[in-house]
Amino acid sequence: MNGPRKRLVLVVDDEFLIAQGLCLQVEDLDMAVCGTAATADEAVALAQLHKPELVLMDVRLRGDKDGVDAALAIHHAVGSKVIFITGSREPSTIARIQMDHPAGVLFKPISDRQLRSAVEVALGG
């Protein structure tokens, strides 16, 4: 017996413990994590495979591409909404994030309440 399909979320963060924590927070919101990625290329590949409704995207990732690069590619290929997550409040970082019309921006560390609120805004309830 199948229940209603859960909304899919892709978690992108190059720090394993942060990614795992975000996965737990997503599951607590009764959503399903379709995968985790530590690089922009992994994130784009997983998004194309699973077509998540939402991506939680760290700005700084491993490799030469950042989260904004990944988000732009995912938005173009899949159309997923992206909530950026960053530990930086530098104006240059914020300006780079704004290039992608983010569904939200959260600053680390993220509380359950902050994440729930951003997800509700991004997905319309």
PDB file of N, CA and C in Angstrom:
ATOM      1  N   MET A   1       0.833  -1.175   0.000  1.00  0.00           N
ATOM      2  CA  MET A   1       0.000   0.000   0.000  1.00  0.00           C
ATOM      3  C   MET A   1       0.884   1.247   0.000  1.00  0.00           C
ATOM      4  N   ASN A   2       0.696   2.072  -0.993  1.00  0.00           N
ATOM      5  CA  ASN A   2       1.517   3.270  -1.137  1.00  0.00           C
ATOM      6  C   ASN A   2       0.794   4.488  -0.608  1.00  0.00           C
ATOM      7  N   GLY A   3       1.493   5.269   0.201  1.00  0.00           N
ATOM      8  CA  GLY A   3       0.940   6.522   0.697  1.00  0.00           C
ATOM      9  C   GLY A   3       1.238   7.619  -0.306  1.00  0.00           C
ATOM     10  N   PRO A   4       0.921   8.848   0.051  1.00  0.00           N
ATOM     11  CA  PRO A   4       1.238   9.943  -0.853  1.00  0.00           C
ATOM     12  C   PRO A   4       2.748  10.050  -1.042  1.00  0.00           C
ATOM     13  N   ARG A   5       3.157  10.402  -2.243  1.00  0.00           N
ATOM     14  CA  ARG A   5       4.571  10.505  -2.546  1.00  0.00           C
ATOM     15  C   ARG A   5       5.175  11.700  -1.802  1.00  0.00           C
ATOM     16  N   LYS A   6       6.303  11.455  -1.160  1.00  0.00           N
ATOM     17  CA  LYS A   6       6.977  12.538  -0.430  1.00  0.00           C
ATOM     18  C   LYS A   6       7.701  13.448  -1.402  1.00  0.00           C
ATOM     19  N   ARG A   7       7.807  14.714  -1.011  1.00  0.00           N
ATOM     20  CA  ARG A   7       8.549  15.673  -1.818  1.00  0.00           C
ATOM     21  C   ARG A   7      10.036  15.349  -1.727  1.00  0.00           C
ATOM     22  N   LEU A   8      10.716  15.401  -2.877  1.00  0.00           N
ATOM     23  CA  LEU A   8      12.128  15.056  -2.941  1.00  0.00           C
ATOM     24  C   LEU A   8      13.008  16.283  -2.730  1.00  0.00           C
ATOM     25  N   VAL A   9      14.068  16.073  -1.930  1.00  0.00           N
ATOM     26  CA  VAL A   9      15.023  17.132  -1.628  1.00  0.00           C
ATOM     27  C   VAL A   9      16.434  16.594  -1.864  1.00  0.00           C
ATOM     28  N   LEU A  10      17.248  17.362  -2.556  1.00  0.00           N
ATOM     29  CA  LEU A  10      18.662  17.052  -2.740  1.00  0.00           C
ATOM     30  C   LEU A  10      19.461  17.910  -1.769  1.00  0.00           C
ATOM     31  N   VAL A  11      20.372  17.303  -1.021  1.00  0.00           N
ATOM     32  CA  VAL A  11      21.204  18.014  -0.052  1.00  0.00           C
ATOM     33  C   VAL A  11      22.628  18.106  -0.609  1.00  0.00           C
ATOM     34  N   VAL A  12      23.141  19.330  -0.717  1.00  0.00           N
ATOM     35  CA  VAL A  12      24.477  19.549  -1.271  1.00  0.00           C
ATOM     36  C   VAL A  12      25.318  20.309  -0.250  1.00  0.00           C
ATOM     37  N   ASP A  13      26.308  19.634   0.313  1.00  0.00           N
ATOM     38  CA  ASP A  13      27.231  20.255   1.262  1.00  0.00           C
ATOM     39  C   ASP A  13      28.496  19.415   1.285  1.00  0.00           C
ATOM     40  N   ASP A  14      29.653  20.050   1.248  1.00  0.00           N
ATOM     41  CA  ASP A  14      30.901  19.297   1.207  1.00  0.00           C
ATOM     42  C   ASP A  14      31.367  18.826   2.584  1.00  0.00           C
ATOM     43  N   GLU A  15      30.662  19.211   3.627  1.00  0.00           N
ATOM     44  CA  GLU A  15      30.994  18.725   4.970  1.00  0.00           C
ATOM     45  C   GLU A  15      30.008  17.620   5.340  1.00  0.00           C
ATOM     46  N   PHE A  16      30.514  16.409   5.481  1.00  0.00           N
ATOM     47  CA  PHE A  16      29.674  15.221   5.689  1.00  0.00           C
ATOM     48  C   PHE A  16      28.716  15.372   6.862  1.00  0.00           C
ATOM     49  N   LEU A  17      29.215  15.836   7.997  1.00  0.00           N
ATOM     50  CA  LEU A  17      28.357  15.932   9.176  1.00  0.00           C
ATOM     51  C   LEU A  17      27.233  16.951   8.996  1.00  0.00           C
ATOM     52  N   ILE A  18      27.525  18.043   8.315  1.00  0.00           N
ATOM     53  CA  ILE A  18      26.481  19.042   8.044  1.00  0.00           C
ATOM     54  C   ILE A  18      25.454  18.449   7.088  1.00  0.00           C
ATOM     55  N   ALA A  19      25.917  17.759   6.049  1.00  0.00           N
ATOM     56  CA  ALA A  19      24.992  17.128   5.100  1.00  0.00           C
ATOM     57  C   ALA A  19      24.087  16.123   5.813  1.00  0.00           C
ATOM     58  N   GLN A  20      24.661  15.323   6.690  1.00  0.00           N
ATOM     59  CA  GLN A  20      23.859  14.327   7.413  1.00  0.00           C
ATOM     60  C   GLN A  20      22.845  15.009   8.325  1.00  0.00           C
ATOM     61  N   GLY A  21      23.253  16.084   8.980  1.00  0.00           N
ATOM     62  CA  GLY A  21      22.325  16.829   9.831  1.00  0.00           C
ATOM     63  C   GLY A  21      21.171  17.408   9.020  1.00  0.00           C
ATOM     64  N   LEU A  22      21.484  17.958   7.851  1.00  0.00           N
ATOM     65  CA  LEU A  22      20.426  18.491   6.984  1.00  0.00           C
ATOM     66  C   LEU A  22      19.479  17.382   6.526  1.00  0.00           C
ATOM     67  N   CYS A  23      20.028  16.213   6.234  1.00  0.00           N
ATOM     68  CA  CYS A  23      19.184  15.075   5.835  1.00  0.00           C
ATOM     69  C   CYS A  23      18.188  14.736   6.939  1.00  0.00           C
ATOM     70  N   LEU A  24      18.657  14.703   8.166  1.00  0.00           N
ATOM     71  CA  LEU A  24      17.759  14.412   9.294  1.00  0.00           C
ATOM     72  C   LEU A  24      16.691  15.486   9.432  1.00  0.00           C
ATOM     73  N   GLN A  25      17.082  16.750   9.268  1.00  0.00           N
ATOM     74  CA  GLN A  25      16.112  17.844   9.356  1.00  0.00           C
ATOM     75  C   GLN A  25      15.065  17.725   8.244  1.00  0.00           C
ATOM     76  N   VAL A  26      15.489  17.372   7.041  1.00  0.00           N
ATOM     77  CA  VAL A  26      14.560  17.206   5.915  1.00  0.00           C
ATOM     78  C   VAL A  26      13.581  16.077   6.205  1.00  0.00           C
ATOM     79  N   GLU A  27      14.089  14.961   6.705  1.00  0.00           N
ATOM     80  CA  GLU A  27      13.225  13.821   7.014  1.00  0.00           C
ATOM     81  C   GLU A  27      12.238  14.173   8.124  1.00  0.00           C
ATOM     82  N   ASP A  28      12.658  15.004   9.072  1.00  0.00           N
ATOM     83  CA  ASP A  28      11.751  15.458  10.139  1.00  0.00           C
ATOM     84  C   ASP A  28      10.610  16.311   9.576  1.00  0.00           C
ATOM     85  N   LEU A  29      10.819  16.899   8.394  1.00  0.00           N
ATOM     86  CA  LEU A  29       9.778  17.688   7.728  1.00  0.00           C
ATOM     87  C   LEU A  29       8.878  16.798   6.859  1.00  0.00           C
ATOM     88  N   ASP A  30       9.061  15.476   6.988  1.00  0.00           N
ATOM     89  CA  ASP A  30       8.292  14.488   6.230  1.00  0.00           C
ATOM     90  C   ASP A  30       8.531  14.610   4.725  1.00  0.00           C
ATOM     91  N   MET A  31       9.783  14.885   4.387  1.00  0.00           N
ATOM     92  CA  MET A  31      10.199  14.928   2.998  1.00  0.00           C
ATOM     93  C   MET A  31      11.278  13.869   2.819  1.00  0.00           C
ATOM     94  N   ALA A  32      11.554  13.492   1.572  1.00  0.00           N
ATOM     95  CA  ALA A  32      12.533  12.446   1.287  1.00  0.00           C
ATOM     96  C   ALA A  32      13.797  13.041   0.682  1.00  0.00           C
ATOM     97  N   VAL A  33      14.951  12.607   1.175  1.00  0.00           N
ATOM     98  CA  VAL A  33      16.230  13.010   0.609  1.00  0.00           C
ATOM     99  C   VAL A  33      16.545  12.054  -0.540  1.00  0.00           C
ATOM    100  N   CYS A  34      16.708  12.601  -1.743  1.00  0.00           N
ATOM    101  CA  CYS A  34      16.989  11.746  -2.899  1.00  0.00           C
ATOM    102  C   CYS A  34      18.478  11.527  -3.095  1.00  0.00           C
ATOM    103  N   GLY A  35      19.304  12.285  -2.370  1.00  0.00           N
ATOM    104  CA  GLY A  35      20.739  12.100  -2.465  1.00  0.00           C
ATOM    105  C   GLY A  35      21.479  13.233  -1.803  1.00  0.00           C
ATOM    106  N   THR A  36      22.791  13.022  -1.624  1.00  0.00           N
ATOM    107  CA  THR A  36      23.666  14.069  -1.105  1.00  0.00           C
ATOM    108  C   THR A  36      24.849  14.189  -2.054  1.00  0.00           C
ATOM    109  N   ALA A  37      25.371  15.404  -2.166  1.00  0.00           N
ATOM    110  CA  ALA A  37      26.516  15.649  -3.045  1.00  0.00           C
ATOM    111  C   ALA A  37      27.483  16.602  -2.354  1.00  0.00           C
ATOM    112  N   ALA A  38      28.774  16.449  -2.676  1.00  0.00           N
ATOM    113  CA  ALA A  38      29.805  17.304  -2.092  1.00  0.00           C
ATOM    114  C   ALA A  38      30.442  18.221  -3.133  1.00  0.00           C
ATOM    115  N   THR A  39      30.120  17.991  -4.427  1.00  0.00           N
ATOM    116  CA  THR A  39      30.668  18.833  -5.494  1.00  0.00           C
ATOM    117  C   THR A  39      29.526  19.310  -6.386  1.00  0.00           C
ATOM    118  N   ALA A  40      29.802  20.355  -7.146  1.00  0.00           N
ATOM    119  CA  ALA A  40      28.796  20.898  -8.063  1.00  0.00           C
ATOM    120  C   ALA A  40      28.409  19.858  -9.116  1.00  0.00           C
ATOM    121  N   ASP A  41      29.397  19.157  -9.670  1.00  0.00           N
ATOM    122  CA  ASP A  41      29.099  18.177 -10.719  1.00  0.00           C
ATOM    123  C   ASP A  41      28.240  17.030 -10.186  1.00  0.00           C
ATOM    124  N   GLU A  42      28.543  16.541  -8.970  1.00  0.00           N
ATOM    125  CA  GLU A  42      27.708  15.494  -8.355  1.00  0.00           C
ATOM    126  C   GLU A  42      26.287  16.005  -8.162  1.00  0.00           C
ATOM    127  N   ALA A  43      26.163  17.246  -7.710  1.00  0.00           N
ATOM    128  CA  ALA A  43      24.843  17.832  -7.455  1.00  0.00           C
ATOM    129  C   ALA A  43      24.017  17.900  -8.731  1.00  0.00           C
ATOM    130  N   VAL A  44      24.626  18.356  -9.819  1.00  0.00           N
ATOM    131  CA  VAL A  44      23.910  18.467 -11.093  1.00  0.00           C
ATOM    132  C   VAL A  44      23.496  17.083 -11.583  1.00  0.00           C
ATOM    133  N   ALA A  45      24.402  16.117 -11.500  1.00  0.00           N
ATOM    134  CA  ALA A  45      24.085  14.755 -11.953  1.00  0.00           C
ATOM    135  C   ALA A  45      22.930  14.153 -11.145  1.00  0.00           C
ATOM    136  N   LEU A  46      22.960  14.305  -9.819  1.00  0.00           N
ATOM    137  CA  LEU A  46      21.887  13.769  -8.979  1.00  0.00           C
ATOM    138  C   LEU A  46      20.567  14.481  -9.247  1.00  0.00           C
ATOM    139  N   ALA A  47      20.624  15.788  -9.464  1.00  0.00           N
ATOM    140  CA  ALA A  47      19.398  16.539  -9.758  1.00  0.00           C
ATOM    141  C   ALA A  47      18.781  16.080 -11.073  1.00  0.00           C
ATOM    142  N   GLN A  48      19.620  15.859 -12.083  1.00  0.00           N
ATOM    143  CA  GLN A  48      19.095  15.395 -13.367  1.00  0.00           C
ATOM    144  C   GLN A  48      18.493  13.997 -13.243  1.00  0.00           C
ATOM    145  N   LEU A  49      19.073  13.180 -12.395  1.00  0.00           N
ATOM    146  CA  LEU A  49      18.580  11.810 -12.201  1.00  0.00           C
ATOM    147  C   LEU A  49      17.264  11.781 -11.428  1.00  0.00           C
ATOM    148  N   HIS A  50      17.200  12.524 -10.315  1.00  0.00           N
ATOM    149  CA  HIS A  50      16.053  12.422  -9.403  1.00  0.00           C
ATOM    150  C   HIS A  50      15.001  13.525  -9.559  1.00  0.00           C
ATOM    151  N   LYS A  51      15.375  14.633 -10.202  1.00  0.00           N
ATOM    152  CA  LYS A  51      14.476  15.777 -10.387  1.00  0.00           C
ATOM    153  C   LYS A  51      13.795  16.211  -9.080  1.00  0.00           C
ATOM    154  N   PRO A  52      14.605  16.607  -8.086  1.00  0.00           N
ATOM    155  CA  PRO A  52      14.036  17.015  -6.793  1.00  0.00           C
ATOM    156  C   PRO A  52      13.251  18.313  -6.922  1.00  0.00           C
ATOM    157  N   GLU A  53      12.271  18.449  -6.051  1.00  0.00           N
ATOM    158  CA  GLU A  53      11.487  19.681  -6.018  1.00  0.00           C
ATOM    159  C   GLU A  53      12.303  20.813  -5.388  1.00  0.00           C
ATOM    160  N   LEU A  54      13.201  20.437  -4.467  1.00  0.00           N
ATOM    161  CA  LEU A  54      13.973  21.410  -3.708  1.00  0.00           C
ATOM    162  C   LEU A  54      15.410  20.944  -3.557  1.00  0.00           C
ATOM    163  N   VAL A  55      16.336  21.908  -3.601  1.00  0.00           N
ATOM    164  CA  VAL A  55      17.751  21.630  -3.353  1.00  0.00           C
ATOM    165  C   VAL A  55      18.217  22.528  -2.216  1.00  0.00           C
ATOM    166  N   LEU A  56      18.834  21.927  -1.203  1.00  0.00           N
ATOM    167  CA  LEU A  56      19.506  22.683  -0.140  1.00  0.00           C
ATOM    168  C   LEU A  56      20.969  22.755  -0.558  1.00  0.00           C
ATOM    169  N   MET A  57      21.442  23.949  -0.899  1.00  0.00           N
ATOM    170  CA  MET A  57      22.729  24.118  -1.574  1.00  0.00           C
ATOM    171  C   MET A  57      23.710  24.952  -0.758  1.00  0.00           C
ATOM    172  N   ASP A  58      24.801  24.302  -0.327  1.00  0.00           N
ATOM    173  CA  ASP A  58      25.890  25.046   0.298  1.00  0.00           C
ATOM    174  C   ASP A  58      26.570  25.864  -0.801  1.00  0.00           C
ATOM    175  N   VAL A  59      27.073  27.028  -0.469  1.00  0.00           N
ATOM    176  CA  VAL A  59      27.709  27.871  -1.471  1.00  0.00           C
ATOM    177  C   VAL A  59      29.118  27.367  -1.780  1.00  0.00           C
ATOM    178  N   ARG A  60      29.876  27.041  -0.758  1.00  0.00           N
ATOM    179  CA  ARG A  60      31.261  26.597  -0.971  1.00  0.00           C
ATOM    180  C   ARG A  60      31.294  25.070  -1.018  1.00  0.00           C
ATOM    181  N   LEU A  61      31.764  24.553  -2.153  1.00  0.00           N
ATOM    182  CA  LEU A  61      31.823  23.113  -2.365  1.00  0.00           C
ATOM    183  C   LEU A  61      33.241  22.700  -2.743  1.00  0.00           C
ATOM    184  N   ARG A  62      33.493  21.388  -2.729  1.00  0.00           N
ATOM    185  CA  ARG A  62      34.777  20.875  -3.202  1.00  0.00           C
ATOM    186  C   ARG A  62      34.879  21.095  -4.702  1.00  0.00           C
ATOM    187  N   GLY A  63      36.106  21.250  -5.181  1.00  0.00           N
ATOM    188  CA  GLY A  63      36.318  21.406  -6.617  1.00  0.00           C
ATOM    189  C   GLY A  63      36.342  22.864  -7.029  1.00  0.00           C
ATOM    190  N   ASP A  64      36.376  23.081  -8.346  1.00  0.00           N
ATOM    191  CA  ASP A  64      36.523  24.448  -8.843  1.00  0.00           C
ATOM    192  C   ASP A  64      35.198  25.147  -9.126  1.00  0.00           C
ATOM    193  N   LYS A  65      34.084  24.458  -8.958  1.00  0.00           N
ATOM    194  CA  LYS A  65      32.769  25.088  -9.112  1.00  0.00           C
ATOM    195  C   LYS A  65      32.126  25.219  -7.737  1.00  0.00           C
ATOM    196  N   ASP A  66      31.327  26.285  -7.565  1.00  0.00           N
ATOM    197  CA  ASP A  66      30.673  26.464  -6.274  1.00  0.00           C
ATOM    198  C   ASP A  66      29.178  26.146  -6.373  1.00  0.00           C
ATOM    199  N   GLY A  67      28.491  26.377  -5.275  1.00  0.00           N
ATOM    200  CA  GLY A  67      27.072  26.066  -5.220  1.00  0.00           C
ATOM    201  C   GLY A  67      26.229  26.901  -6.168  1.00  0.00           C
ATOM    202  N   VAL A  68      26.671  28.124  -6.442  1.00  0.00           N
ATOM    203  CA  VAL A  68      25.918  28.966  -7.383  1.00  0.00           C
ATOM    204  C   VAL A  68      26.032  28.383  -8.791  1.00  0.00           C
ATOM    205  N   ASP A  69      27.227  27.921  -9.166  1.00  0.00           N
ATOM    206  CA  ASP A  69      27.394  27.260 -10.466  1.00  0.00           C
ATOM    207  C   ASP A  69      26.446  26.065 -10.575  1.00  0.00           C
ATOM    208  N   ALA A  70      26.424  25.248  -9.525  1.00  0.00           N
ATOM    209  CA  ALA A  70      25.561  24.069  -9.519  1.00  0.00           C
ATOM    210  C   ALA A  70      24.093  24.453  -9.578  1.00  0.00           C
ATOM    211  N   ALA A  71      23.713  25.458  -8.791  1.00  0.00           N
ATOM    212  CA  ALA A  71      22.307  25.867  -8.748  1.00  0.00           C
ATOM    213  C   ALA A  71      21.834  26.393 -10.097  1.00  0.00           C
ATOM    214  N   LEU A  72      22.673  27.169 -10.767  1.00  0.00           N
ATOM    215  CA  LEU A  72      22.305  27.685 -12.086  1.00  0.00           C
ATOM    216  C   LEU A  72      22.086  26.532 -13.067  1.00  0.00           C
ATOM    217  N   ALA A  73      22.981  25.553 -13.045  1.00  0.00           N
ATOM    218  CA  ALA A  73      22.856  24.397 -13.944  1.00  0.00           C
ATOM    219  C   ALA A  73      21.620  23.568 -13.606  1.00  0.00           C
ATOM    220  N   ILE A  74      21.359  23.372 -12.311  1.00  0.00           N
ATOM    221  CA  ILE A  74      20.188  22.590 -11.885  1.00  0.00           C
ATOM    222  C   ILE A  74      18.911  23.335 -12.246  1.00  0.00           C
ATOM    223  N   HIS A  75      18.880  24.628 -12.001  1.00  0.00           N
ATOM    224  CA  HIS A  75      17.686  25.415 -12.323  1.00  0.00           C
ATOM    225  C   HIS A  75      17.390  25.324 -13.823  1.00  0.00           C
ATOM    226  N   HIS A  76      18.427  25.419 -14.643  1.00  0.00           N
ATOM    227  CA  HIS A  76      18.264  25.363 -16.094  1.00  0.00           C
ATOM    228  C   HIS A  76      17.805  23.969 -16.552  1.00  0.00           C
ATOM    229  N   ALA A  77      18.417  22.912 -15.997  1.00  0.00           N
ATOM    230  CA  ALA A  77      18.141  21.546 -16.448  1.00  0.00           C
ATOM    231  C   ALA A  77      16.869  20.946 -15.853  1.00  0.00           C
ATOM    232  N   VAL A  78      16.588  21.258 -14.579  1.00  0.00           N
ATOM    233  CA  VAL A  78      15.517  20.570 -13.843  1.00  0.00           C
ATOM    234  C   VAL A  78      14.423  21.519 -13.370  1.00  0.00           C
ATOM    235  N   GLY A  79      14.803  22.751 -13.033  1.00  0.00           N
ATOM    236  CA  GLY A  79      13.825  23.707 -12.529  1.00  0.00           C
ATOM    237  C   GLY A  79      13.578  23.626 -11.033  1.00  0.00           C
ATOM    238  N   SER A  80      14.426  22.895 -10.319  1.00  0.00           N
ATOM    239  CA  SER A  80      14.269  22.769  -8.870  1.00  0.00           C
ATOM    240  C   SER A  80      14.416  24.125  -8.191  1.00  0.00           C
ATOM    241  N   LYS A  81      13.686  24.310  -7.094  1.00  0.00           N
ATOM    242  CA  LYS A  81      13.876  25.495  -6.263  1.00  0.00           C
ATOM    243  C   LYS A  81      15.125  25.256  -5.415  1.00  0.00           C
ATOM    244  N   VAL A  82      15.868  26.338  -5.148  1.00  0.00           N
ATOM    245  CA  VAL A  82      17.122  26.213  -4.408  1.00  0.00           C
ATOM    246  C   VAL A  82      17.107  27.132  -3.196  1.00  0.00           C
ATOM    247  N   ILE A  83      17.384  26.538  -2.034  1.00  0.00           N
ATOM    248  CA  ILE A  83      17.634  27.310  -0.820  1.00  0.00           C
ATOM    249  C   ILE A  83      19.135  27.235  -0.575  1.00  0.00           C
ATOM    250  N   PHE A  84      19.787  28.387  -0.616  1.00  0.00           N
ATOM    251  CA  PHE A  84      21.229  28.421  -0.381  1.00  0.00           C
ATOM    252  C   PHE A  84      21.518  28.415   1.109  1.00  0.00           C
ATOM    253  N   ILE A  85      22.606  27.735   1.449  1.00  0.00           N
ATOM    254  CA  ILE A  85      23.063  27.655   2.829  1.00  0.00           C
ATOM    255  C   ILE A  85      24.519  28.107   2.838  1.00  0.00           C
ATOM    256  N   THR A  86      24.839  29.044   3.707  1.00  0.00           N
ATOM    257  CA  THR A  86      26.208  29.540   3.738  1.00  0.00           C
ATOM    258  C   THR A  86      26.616  29.916   5.155  1.00  0.00           C
ATOM    259  N   GLY A  87      27.888  29.853   5.391  1.00  0.00           N
ATOM    260  CA  GLY A  87      28.431  30.323   6.660  1.00  0.00           C
ATOM    261  C   GLY A  87      28.977  31.730   6.530  1.00  0.00           C
ATOM    262  N   SER A  88      28.938  32.256   5.300  1.00  0.00           N
ATOM    263  CA  SER A  88      29.532  33.560   5.019  1.00  0.00           C
ATOM    264  C   SER A  88      28.460  34.635   4.850  1.00  0.00           C
ATOM    265  N   ARG A  89      28.711  35.774   5.449  1.00  0.00           N
ATOM    266  CA  ARG A  89      27.824  36.929   5.247  1.00  0.00           C
ATOM    267  C   ARG A  89      28.535  38.012   4.437  1.00  0.00           C
ATOM    268  N   GLU A  90      29.617  37.629   3.758  1.00  0.00           N
ATOM    269  CA  GLU A  90      30.370  38.585   2.950  1.00  0.00           C
ATOM    270  C   GLU A  90      29.479  39.094   1.815  1.00  0.00           C
ATOM    271  N   PRO A  91      29.523  40.407   1.552  1.00  0.00           N
ATOM    272  CA  PRO A  91      28.707  40.958   0.462  1.00  0.00           C
ATOM    273  C   PRO A  91      28.941  40.267  -0.883  1.00  0.00           C
ATOM    274  N   SER A  92      30.196  39.868  -1.161  1.00  0.00           N
ATOM    275  CA  SER A  92      30.479  39.206  -2.442  1.00  0.00           C
ATOM    276  C   SER A  92      29.781  37.849  -2.532  1.00  0.00           C
ATOM    277  N   THR A  93      29.707  37.136  -1.415  1.00  0.00           N
ATOM    278  CA  THR A  93      29.006  35.844  -1.398  1.00  0.00           C
ATOM    279  C   THR A  93      27.510  36.051  -1.597  1.00  0.00           C
ATOM    280  N   ILE A  94      26.942  37.011  -0.898  1.00  0.00           N
ATOM    281  CA  ILE A  94      25.509  37.286  -1.011  1.00  0.00           C
ATOM    282  C   ILE A  94      25.172  37.736  -2.438  1.00  0.00           C
ATOM    283  N   ALA A  95      26.023  38.577  -3.025  1.00  0.00           N
ATOM    284  CA  ALA A  95      25.785  39.031  -4.394  1.00  0.00           C
ATOM    285  C   ALA A  95      25.831  37.857  -5.368  1.00  0.00           C
ATOM    286  N   ARG A  96      26.750  36.936  -5.154  1.00  0.00           N
ATOM    287  CA  ARG A  96      26.862  35.747  -6.027  1.00  0.00           C
ATOM    288  C   ARG A  96      25.603  34.891  -5.895  1.00  0.00           C
ATOM    289  N   ILE A  97      25.105  34.701  -4.689  1.00  0.00           N
ATOM    290  CA  ILE A  97      23.889  33.919  -4.465  1.00  0.00           C
ATOM    291  C   ILE A  97      22.716  34.551  -5.217  1.00  0.00           C
ATOM    292  N   GLN A  98      22.629  35.867  -5.196  1.00  0.00           N
ATOM    293  CA  GLN A  98      21.499  36.559  -5.828  1.00  0.00           C
ATOM    294  C   GLN A  98      21.465  36.375  -7.344  1.00  0.00           C
ATOM    295  N   MET A  99      22.556  35.898  -7.936  1.00  0.00           N
ATOM    296  CA  MET A  99      22.593  35.643  -9.379  1.00  0.00           C
ATOM    297  C   MET A  99      21.581  34.583  -9.790  1.00  0.00           C
ATOM    298  N   ASP A 100      21.193  33.720  -8.848  1.00  0.00           N
ATOM    299  CA  ASP A 100      20.367  32.564  -9.195  1.00  0.00           C
ATOM    300  C   ASP A 100      18.915  32.684  -8.750  1.00  0.00           C
ATOM    301  N   HIS A 101      18.453  33.840  -8.343  1.00  0.00           N
ATOM    302  CA  HIS A 101      17.067  33.980  -7.880  1.00  0.00           C
ATOM    303  C   HIS A 101      16.733  32.894  -6.851  1.00  0.00           C
ATOM    304  N   PRO A 102      17.420  32.910  -5.718  1.00  0.00           N
ATOM    305  CA  PRO A 102      17.231  31.834  -4.736  1.00  0.00           C
ATOM    306  C   PRO A 102      15.829  31.829  -4.138  1.00  0.00           C
ATOM    307  N   ALA A 103      15.367  30.627  -3.791  1.00  0.00           N
ATOM    308  CA  ALA A 103      14.090  30.487  -3.090  1.00  0.00           C
ATOM    309  C   ALA A 103      14.264  30.864  -1.626  1.00  0.00           C
ATOM    310  N   GLY A 104      15.506  30.929  -1.173  1.00  0.00           N
ATOM    311  CA  GLY A 104      15.802  31.305   0.201  1.00  0.00           C
ATOM    312  C   GLY A 104      17.299  31.281   0.445  1.00  0.00           C
ATOM    313  N   VAL A 105      17.716  31.950   1.508  1.00  0.00           N
ATOM    314  CA  VAL A 105      19.111  31.944   1.932  1.00  0.00           C
ATOM    315  C   VAL A 105      19.116  31.742   3.438  1.00  0.00           C
ATOM    316  N   LEU A 106      19.855  30.738   3.892  1.00  0.00           N
ATOM    317  CA  LEU A 106      19.986  30.461   5.323  1.00  0.00           C
ATOM    318  C   LEU A 106      21.459  30.540   5.705  1.00  0.00           C
ATOM    319  N   PHE A 107      21.718  31.042   6.912  1.00  0.00           N
ATOM    320  CA  PHE A 107      23.085  31.150   7.407  1.00  0.00           C
ATOM    321  C   PHE A 107      23.322  30.094   8.483  1.00  0.00           C
ATOM    322  N   LYS A 108      24.456  29.395   8.343  1.00  0.00           N
ATOM    323  CA  LYS A 108      24.814  28.348   9.306  1.00  0.00           C
ATOM    324  C   LYS A 108      25.101  28.981  10.654  1.00  0.00           C
ATOM    325  N   PRO A 109      24.795  28.289  11.747  1.00  0.00           N
ATOM    326  CA  PRO A 109      24.056  27.018  11.848  1.00  0.00           C
ATOM    327  C   PRO A 109      22.552  27.247  11.664  1.00  0.00           C
ATOM    328  N   ILE A 110      21.877  26.238  11.151  1.00  0.00           N
ATOM    329  CA  ILE A 110      20.463  26.355  10.801  1.00  0.00           C
ATOM    330  C   ILE A 110      19.611  25.595  11.811  1.00  0.00           C
ATOM    331  N   SER A 111      18.647  26.279  12.373  1.00  0.00           N
ATOM    332  CA  SER A 111      17.731  25.619  13.309  1.00  0.00           C
ATOM    333  C   SER A 111      16.631  24.908  12.520  1.00  0.00           C
ATOM    334  N   ASP A 112      15.966  23.963  13.168  1.00  0.00           N
ATOM    335  CA  ASP A 112      14.840  23.269  12.543  1.00  0.00           C
ATOM    336  C   ASP A 112      13.771  24.274  12.126  1.00  0.00           C
ATOM    337  N   ARG A 113      13.521  25.256  12.976  1.00  0.00           N
ATOM    338  CA  ARG A 113      12.487  26.253  12.698  1.00  0.00           C
ATOM    339  C   ARG A 113      12.840  27.087  11.467  1.00  0.00           C
ATOM    340  N   GLN A 114      14.095  27.493  11.355  1.00  0.00           N
ATOM    341  CA  GLN A 114      14.528  28.274  10.196  1.00  0.00           C
ATOM    342  C   GLN A 114      14.367  27.467   8.912  1.00  0.00           C
ATOM    343  N   LEU A 115      14.768  26.206   8.959  1.00  0.00           N
ATOM    344  CA  LEU A 115      14.664  25.364   7.770  1.00  0.00           C
ATOM    345  C   LEU A 115      13.202  25.147   7.391  1.00  0.00           C
ATOM    346  N   ARG A 116      12.373  24.825   8.370  1.00  0.00           N
ATOM    347  CA  ARG A 116      10.950  24.602   8.099  1.00  0.00           C
ATOM    348  C   ARG A 116      10.333  25.840   7.449  1.00  0.00           C
ATOM    349  N   SER A 117      10.618  27.014   7.984  1.00  0.00           N
ATOM    350  CA  SER A 117      10.078  28.262   7.460  1.00  0.00           C
ATOM    351  C   SER A 117      10.540  28.496   6.023  1.00  0.00           C
ATOM    352  N   ALA A 118      11.826  28.304   5.751  1.00  0.00           N
ATOM    353  CA  ALA A 118      12.361  28.523   4.399  1.00  0.00           C
ATOM    354  C   ALA A 118      11.767  27.540   3.406  1.00  0.00           C
ATOM    355  N   VAL A 119      11.585  26.285   3.828  1.00  0.00           N
ATOM    356  CA  VAL A 119      11.000  25.266   2.952  1.00  0.00           C
ATOM    357  C   VAL A 119       9.543  25.615   2.650  1.00  0.00           C
ATOM    358  N   GLU A 120       8.798  26.040   3.663  1.00  0.00           N
ATOM    359  CA  GLU A 120       7.394  26.414   3.457  1.00  0.00           C
ATOM    360  C   GLU A 120       7.272  27.579   2.489  1.00  0.00           C
ATOM    361  N   VAL A 121       8.162  28.566   2.613  1.00  0.00           N
ATOM    362  CA  VAL A 121       8.134  29.712   1.701  1.00  0.00           C
ATOM    363  C   VAL A 121       8.493  29.246   0.287  1.00  0.00           C
ATOM    364  N   ALA A 122       9.556  28.441   0.173  1.00  0.00           N
ATOM    365  CA  ALA A 122      10.036  27.995  -1.138  1.00  0.00           C
ATOM    366  C   ALA A 122       9.003  27.143  -1.886  1.00  0.00           C
ATOM    367  N   LEU A 123       8.314  26.286  -1.139  1.00  0.00           N
ATOM    368  CA  LEU A 123       7.401  25.340  -1.776  1.00  0.00           C
ATOM    369  C   LEU A 123       5.944  25.754  -1.652  1.00  0.00           C
ATOM    370  N   GLY A 124       5.714  26.912  -1.079  1.00  0.00           N
ATOM    371  CA  GLY A 124       4.340  27.407  -0.986  1.00  0.00           C
ATOM    372  C   GLY A 124       3.485  26.678   0.021  1.00  0.00           C
ATOM    373  N   GLY A 125       4.038  26.447   1.212  1.00  0.00           N
ATOM    374  CA  GLY A 125       3.243  25.834   2.263  1.00  0.00           C
ATOM    375  C   GLY A 125       3.761  24.527   2.583  1.00  0.00           C
TER     376      GLY A 125
END
